[in-house]
Amino acid sequence: MVRAVGIAHTFLRPAQVDELVALYREGATLVELGERFSVHRRTVAAHLVRRSIPIRRRGLDESDVTEAVELYEGGSTLIEVGLRFGVSQQAVRRALDVEGVTIRPGGRRARVSA
């Protein structure tokens, strides 16, 4: 039964889910698989969970953590640092937390008057 009216749903056949799992095991990301199979990344994750496949959590490479700390402490936002390294702001937050960096309060940065 489809719960939402007006939303297109794509249902994957068992053979497609088999292919999805194989590609994920080969290194494809949730986003890449979502695009390939025309489903949302959360749908991809749900198929993997049903097949007992652990979901990889992408974070900052150890070699990038020092630079990320410097950027953040230099005034860059979590989002800006994430964009620099191609990861989410949550991944940056986790990496900075492990390094003992104090996270600034959220919200807009104060403008500097010239």
Protein backbone atom coordinates (compact mmCIF):
# COMPACT_ATOMS: atom_id res chain seq x y z
CA MET A 1 0.00 0.00 0.00
CA VAL A 2 1.32 3.43 -0.91
CA ARG A 3 0.89 5.94 1.92
CA ALA A 4 1.37 9.27 0.18
CA VAL A 5 -0.82 10.41 -2.66
CA GLY A 6 0.91 12.19 -5.52
CA ILE A 7 4.40 10.84 -4.79
CA ALA A 8 5.95 8.52 -7.33
CA HIS A 9 7.31 5.34 -5.75
CA THR A 10 9.96 3.17 -7.33
CA PHE A 11 9.97 -0.41 -6.19
CA LEU A 12 13.10 -2.44 -6.79
CA ARG A 13 12.92 -6.05 -7.89
CA PRO A 14 14.93 -8.59 -5.86
CA ALA A 15 17.51 -8.80 -8.67
CA GLN A 16 17.95 -5.02 -8.53
CA VAL A 17 18.45 -5.15 -4.76
CA ASP A 18 21.06 -7.90 -5.31
CA GLU A 19 22.86 -5.59 -7.77
CA LEU A 20 22.54 -2.64 -5.37
CA VAL A 21 24.13 -4.69 -2.55
CA ALA A 22 26.97 -5.87 -4.82
CA LEU A 23 27.72 -2.32 -5.97
CA TYR A 24 27.67 -1.03 -2.39
CA ARG A 25 30.11 -3.75 -1.35
CA GLU A 26 32.36 -2.64 -4.24
CA GLY A 27 32.42 0.90 -2.83
CA ALA A 28 29.49 2.77 -4.38
CA THR A 29 27.93 5.39 -2.10
CA LEU A 30 24.29 5.63 -1.03
CA VAL A 31 23.86 8.74 -3.18
CA GLU A 32 25.40 7.10 -6.25
CA LEU A 33 23.18 4.06 -5.85
CA GLY A 34 20.11 6.22 -5.32
CA GLU A 35 20.79 8.03 -8.58
CA ARG A 36 21.48 4.79 -10.45
CA PHE A 37 18.28 3.09 -9.26
CA SER A 38 16.14 6.27 -9.16
CA VAL A 39 15.41 6.00 -5.45
CA HIS A 40 16.26 8.14 -2.42
CA ARG A 41 19.50 7.41 -0.56
CA ARG A 42 17.45 6.47 2.51
CA THR A 43 15.64 3.86 0.43
CA VAL A 44 19.03 2.46 -0.58
CA ALA A 45 20.04 2.36 3.09
CA ALA A 46 16.79 0.61 4.00
CA HIS A 47 17.44 -2.13 1.41
CA LEU A 48 20.96 -2.61 2.77
CA VAL A 49 19.73 -2.80 6.36
CA ARG A 50 17.12 -5.40 5.35
CA ARG A 51 19.97 -7.45 3.89
CA SER A 52 22.05 -6.97 7.10
CA ILE A 53 24.72 -4.95 5.28
CA PRO A 54 26.42 -2.44 7.61
CA ILE A 55 26.18 1.16 6.39
CA ARG A 56 29.51 2.92 5.94
CA ARG A 57 29.83 6.27 7.63
CA ARG A 58 31.93 8.64 5.59
CA GLY A 59 34.02 11.05 7.56
CA LEU A 60 37.14 13.11 7.27
CA ASP A 61 40.31 11.27 6.36
CA GLU A 62 42.80 11.28 9.21
CA SER A 63 45.20 13.23 7.00
CA ASP A 64 42.60 16.05 6.64
CA VAL A 65 41.64 16.45 10.31
CA THR A 66 44.48 18.85 11.17
CA GLU A 67 43.59 21.15 8.28
CA ALA A 68 39.90 20.96 9.17
CA VAL A 69 40.68 22.01 12.75
CA GLU A 70 42.78 24.94 11.48
CA LEU A 71 40.04 26.06 9.08
CA TYR A 72 37.34 25.88 11.75
CA GLU A 73 39.43 27.62 14.39
CA GLY A 74 40.27 30.24 11.75
CA GLY A 75 36.59 31.13 11.42
CA SER A 76 35.20 28.79 8.76
CA THR A 77 31.82 27.23 9.50
CA LEU A 78 31.19 23.50 9.79
CA ILE A 79 29.43 23.63 6.43
CA GLU A 80 32.34 25.45 4.78
CA VAL A 81 34.84 22.93 6.14
CA GLY A 82 32.59 20.08 5.02
CA LEU A 83 32.35 21.50 1.51
CA ARG A 84 36.15 21.81 1.38
CA PHE A 85 36.55 18.09 2.09
CA GLY A 86 33.37 16.75 0.49
CA VAL A 87 31.75 15.60 3.73
CA SER A 88 28.72 16.68 5.75
CA GLN A 89 28.81 19.25 8.53
CA GLN A 90 27.96 16.40 10.92
CA ALA A 91 31.08 14.52 9.81
CA VAL A 92 33.15 17.64 10.47
CA ARG A 93 31.49 18.11 13.87
CA ARG A 94 32.29 14.49 14.84
CA ALA A 95 35.94 14.84 13.75
CA LEU A 96 36.38 18.15 15.59
CA ASP A 97 34.73 16.73 18.71
CA VAL A 98 37.20 13.83 18.73
CA GLU A 99 40.01 16.40 18.55
CA GLY A 100 38.55 18.29 21.53
CA VAL A 101 37.62 21.41 19.54
CA THR A 102 34.86 23.53 21.08
CA ILE A 103 32.02 23.95 18.59
CA ARG A 104 30.74 27.51 18.27
CA PRO A 105 27.01 28.21 18.78
CA GLY A 106 24.96 27.93 15.59
CA GLY A 107 23.33 30.79 13.76
CA ARG A 108 24.57 33.54 11.54
CA ARG A 109 28.00 34.98 12.05
CA ALA A 110 28.18 38.61 13.14
CA ARG A 111 29.00 40.97 10.32
CA VAL A 112 32.11 43.03 10.61
CA SER A 113 31.41 46.72 9.99
CA ALA A 114 33.85 48.44 7.68
